[in-house]
Amino acid sequence: MLVLVASVLERVLGAVVSAIGGACGQVQQATSQQRPKVFAGVEGGGQTWRVAIAVGSPTNITERAVFETKKPETTLPAIRAWLDEHEYDALGIATFGPIEPKRDHPEYGYITSTPKPHWKNANVVAPLWNGRVPHKFDTDVNAPALAEFKAHGEAMGHSSCAYITVGTGVGVGLVINGKPVHGLLHPEGGHVKLARSQRIVI
């Protein structure tokens, strides 16, 4: 298993945008005869939501914005207004969880039983997706895990990838046999209380 560790939200955002290109089969890499494809990525975190536009390549981020995580009825319309100012060919949304990622489920696109105030049972896909372009929805750890796997692990002959991110909490995303792990319920890497310390351990 290929294990990758990251701790910077900017890296997560870049990986989220990358995941769109790998996951949306309807959007292909532009050829020299076509205009460059444009990708939009949204990453929802406990403190901030980040949105980006990438042109030509999912890692070529040309524009970005940051929104404070307030109530859904405040944060999501502000992000949608930003997205509506741009033209794009595919949209990727990755948020803190638990979420409902199964498209045939009545609560597809929702953040479900999160302890985050105001965000329990919040529909995030419907307010953000314009209904026209291909889109993907997953957690903010599974999306970058898939992106890292597509960018590095698959090319090296690996079939699996673990992605660990340190932000408001510690998240773990898994790709097994080339696919993100969802399972019957929202999978968790675990909850560990981290003690604050002045010591720096290398």
Protein backbone atom coordinates (compact mmCIF):
# COMPACT_ATOMS: atom_id res chain seq x y z
CA MET A 1 0.00 0.00 0.00
CA LEU A 2 1.21 3.50 -0.88
CA VAL A 3 0.79 5.84 2.10
CA LEU A 4 0.88 9.63 1.62
CA VAL A 5 0.65 12.21 4.41
CA ALA A 6 -0.34 15.87 4.01
CA SER A 7 -1.19 18.63 6.47
CA VAL A 8 -1.79 21.79 4.41
CA LEU A 9 -5.27 22.81 3.28
CA GLU A 10 -3.84 24.31 0.10
CA ARG A 11 -2.55 20.84 -0.83
CA VAL A 12 -5.98 19.40 -0.15
CA LEU A 13 -7.55 21.99 -2.45
CA GLY A 14 -5.14 21.16 -5.25
CA ALA A 15 -5.86 17.47 -4.80
CA VAL A 16 -9.62 18.08 -4.83
CA VAL A 17 -9.38 19.86 -8.17
CA SER A 18 -7.15 17.04 -9.45
CA ALA A 19 -9.76 14.47 -8.44
CA ILE A 20 -12.30 16.02 -10.80
CA GLY A 21 -10.20 15.22 -13.83
CA GLY A 22 -9.63 11.65 -12.72
CA ALA A 23 -13.20 10.96 -11.65
CA CYS A 24 -15.38 12.65 -14.30
CA GLY A 25 -15.19 10.37 -17.29
CA GLN A 26 -17.27 12.75 -19.40
CA VAL A 27 -14.53 15.38 -19.34
CA GLN A 28 -11.42 14.45 -21.28
CA GLN A 29 -8.05 16.17 -21.45
CA ALA A 30 -8.14 18.87 -24.11
CA THR A 31 -6.26 18.27 -27.35
CA SER A 32 -4.37 20.91 -29.27
CA GLN A 33 -7.48 21.42 -31.48
CA GLN A 34 -9.80 22.03 -28.49
CA ARG A 35 -10.01 24.83 -25.97
CA PRO A 36 -8.53 23.89 -22.60
CA LYS A 37 -10.98 22.22 -20.25
CA VAL A 38 -11.89 24.20 -17.14
CA PHE A 39 -12.39 22.50 -13.77
CA ALA A 40 -14.05 23.90 -10.63
CA GLY A 41 -13.29 22.48 -7.19
CA VAL A 42 -14.90 23.16 -3.81
CA GLU A 43 -13.35 22.00 -0.53
CA GLY A 44 -15.46 22.40 2.61
CA GLY A 45 -13.65 22.47 5.94
CA GLY A 46 -14.56 23.10 9.55
CA GLN A 47 -13.15 26.65 9.50
CA THR A 48 -13.18 27.68 5.83
CA TRP A 49 -14.52 26.64 2.44
CA ARG A 50 -12.17 27.01 -0.52
CA VAL A 51 -13.07 27.17 -4.17
CA ALA A 52 -10.80 27.11 -7.20
CA ILE A 53 -10.74 27.17 -10.98
CA ALA A 54 -8.15 25.18 -12.93
CA VAL A 55 -7.55 25.50 -16.68
CA GLY A 56 -6.16 22.85 -19.02
CA SER A 57 -4.86 20.62 -16.24
CA PRO A 58 -6.60 19.92 -12.93
CA THR A 59 -3.45 21.07 -11.11
CA ASN A 60 -3.16 24.38 -13.00
CA ILE A 61 -5.15 26.51 -10.54
CA THR A 62 -5.71 29.99 -11.95
CA GLU A 63 -8.26 31.46 -9.53
CA ARG A 64 -9.29 30.74 -5.96
CA ALA A 65 -11.31 32.16 -3.10
CA VAL A 66 -11.84 31.44 0.59
CA PHE A 67 -15.12 31.63 2.50
CA GLU A 68 -15.57 31.39 6.27
CA THR A 69 -17.57 28.38 7.44
CA LYS A 70 -20.73 30.00 8.75
CA LYS A 71 -24.26 28.60 8.43
CA PRO A 72 -25.07 26.67 5.21
CA GLU A 73 -27.61 29.31 4.15
CA THR A 74 -24.85 31.92 4.30
CA THR A 75 -21.75 30.09 3.07
CA LEU A 76 -23.18 28.02 0.22
CA PRO A 77 -24.95 30.84 -1.67
CA ALA A 78 -21.77 32.93 -1.48
CA ILE A 79 -19.77 30.09 -3.03
CA ARG A 80 -22.43 29.50 -5.71
CA ALA A 81 -22.36 33.20 -6.60
CA TRP A 82 -18.58 32.95 -7.07
CA LEU A 83 -18.94 29.83 -9.22
CA ASP A 84 -21.63 31.47 -11.34
CA GLU A 85 -19.12 34.16 -12.31
CA HIS A 86 -17.03 31.48 -14.05
CA GLU A 87 -17.47 29.05 -16.93
CA TYR A 88 -16.32 25.49 -16.20
CA ASP A 89 -16.72 21.98 -17.61
CA ALA A 90 -16.81 19.88 -14.42
CA LEU A 91 -17.34 20.42 -10.70
CA GLY A 92 -15.84 18.56 -7.76
CA ILE A 93 -17.13 19.02 -4.20
CA ALA A 94 -15.32 17.57 -1.19
CA THR A 95 -16.41 18.33 2.37
CA PHE A 96 -16.01 17.32 5.98
CA GLY A 97 -18.27 14.43 6.90
CA PRO A 98 -20.07 12.27 7.44
CA ILE A 99 -21.65 12.66 4.00
CA GLU A 100 -23.98 10.69 1.75
CA PRO A 101 -22.06 9.99 -1.51
CA LYS A 102 -24.41 7.40 -3.07
CA ARG A 103 -26.33 8.99 -5.94
CA ASP A 104 -29.35 6.69 -5.58
CA HIS A 105 -29.81 7.64 -1.92
CA PRO A 106 -32.51 10.22 -1.03
CA GLU A 107 -29.94 12.22 0.94
CA TYR A 108 -27.27 12.18 -1.78
CA GLY A 109 -25.20 15.35 -1.57
CA TYR A 110 -25.84 15.93 2.12
CA ILE A 111 -23.51 16.37 5.06
CA THR A 112 -25.34 14.07 7.46
CA SER A 113 -24.67 13.41 11.17
CA THR A 114 -21.82 15.87 11.66
CA PRO A 115 -21.29 17.46 15.09
CA LYS A 116 -20.48 20.73 13.33
CA PRO A 117 -23.09 23.29 14.51
CA HIS A 118 -25.72 24.18 11.87
CA TRP A 119 -24.37 21.67 9.29
CA LYS A 120 -26.17 18.49 10.33
CA ASN A 121 -28.32 17.21 7.42
CA ALA A 122 -27.21 20.08 5.20
CA ASN A 123 -27.62 19.64 1.44
CA VAL A 124 -24.44 20.98 -0.16
CA VAL A 125 -24.54 19.58 -3.70
CA ALA A 126 -27.90 21.06 -4.73
CA PRO A 127 -26.97 24.65 -3.78
CA LEU A 128 -23.56 24.43 -5.49
CA TRP A 129 -24.14 22.35 -8.65
CA ASN A 130 -25.59 24.18 -11.66
CA GLY A 131 -27.24 20.99 -12.95
CA ARG A 132 -25.44 21.10 -16.29
CA VAL A 133 -21.84 19.96 -15.89
CA PRO A 134 -20.52 16.59 -14.67
CA HIS A 135 -19.91 16.62 -10.93
CA LYS A 136 -18.47 14.47 -8.15
CA PHE A 137 -19.11 14.60 -4.40
CA ASP A 138 -16.99 12.98 -1.70
CA THR A 139 -15.26 13.68 1.59
CA ASP A 140 -12.33 16.06 1.90
CA VAL A 141 -10.06 13.07 2.50
CA ASN A 142 -11.36 10.61 -0.11
CA ALA A 143 -11.14 13.15 -2.95
CA PRO A 144 -7.44 13.94 -2.41
CA ALA A 145 -6.74 10.26 -1.73
CA LEU A 146 -8.13 9.44 -5.18
CA ALA A 147 -6.18 12.31 -6.74
CA GLU A 148 -2.90 11.15 -5.18
CA PHE A 149 -3.59 7.60 -6.29
CA LYS A 150 -4.31 8.65 -9.87
CA ALA A 151 -1.29 10.97 -9.98
CA HIS A 152 1.27 8.73 -8.30
CA GLY A 153 0.14 5.37 -6.96
CA GLU A 154 -1.46 3.93 -10.08
CA ALA A 155 1.52 4.84 -12.24
CA MET A 156 3.81 3.05 -9.78
CA GLY A 157 1.77 -0.14 -9.93
CA HIS A 158 0.02 0.32 -6.58
CA SER A 159 -3.62 -0.66 -6.14
CA SER A 160 -4.30 1.20 -2.89
CA CYS A 161 -3.59 4.52 -1.21
CA ALA A 162 -4.06 6.04 2.26
CA TYR A 163 -4.30 9.81 2.63
CA ILE A 164 -3.95 11.48 6.05
CA THR A 165 -4.69 15.17 6.57
CA VAL A 166 -4.23 17.24 9.72
CA GLY A 167 -6.57 20.23 9.94
CA THR A 168 -9.41 21.00 12.35
CA GLY A 169 -9.29 17.24 12.94
CA VAL A 170 -7.25 14.32 11.66
CA GLY A 171 -8.84 12.70 8.61
CA VAL A 172 -8.05 9.50 6.72
CA GLY A 173 -9.13 8.71 3.16
CA LEU A 174 -8.66 5.31 1.54
CA VAL A 175 -8.52 4.10 -2.05
CA ILE A 176 -8.67 0.31 -2.35
CA ASN A 177 -8.34 -1.44 -5.70
CA GLY A 178 -8.53 1.93 -7.42
CA LYS A 179 -11.79 3.09 -5.81
CA PRO A 180 -12.53 5.33 -2.79
CA VAL A 181 -13.78 3.41 0.25
CA HIS A 182 -17.31 4.34 1.32
CA GLY A 183 -18.82 1.20 2.80
CA LEU A 184 -22.26 0.89 4.34
CA LEU A 185 -21.66 3.90 6.57
CA HIS A 186 -19.22 6.79 6.57
CA PRO A 187 -15.78 5.29 7.36
CA GLU A 188 -13.62 6.96 10.00
CA GLY A 189 -9.91 6.65 10.62
CA GLY A 190 -10.57 7.24 14.31
CA HIS A 191 -10.84 10.09 16.79
CA VAL A 192 -7.76 10.94 18.85
CA LYS A 193 -7.52 13.78 21.35
CA LEU A 194 -4.28 15.62 20.68
CA ALA A 195 -2.60 17.30 23.66
CA ARG A 196 -1.14 20.75 23.00
CA SER A 197 2.61 21.00 23.57
CA GLN A 198 5.33 23.62 23.23
CA ARG A 199 7.77 20.91 22.24
CA ILE A 200 8.53 20.36 18.58
CA VAL A 201 9.08 16.70 17.81
CA ILE A 202 10.86 15.83 14.58
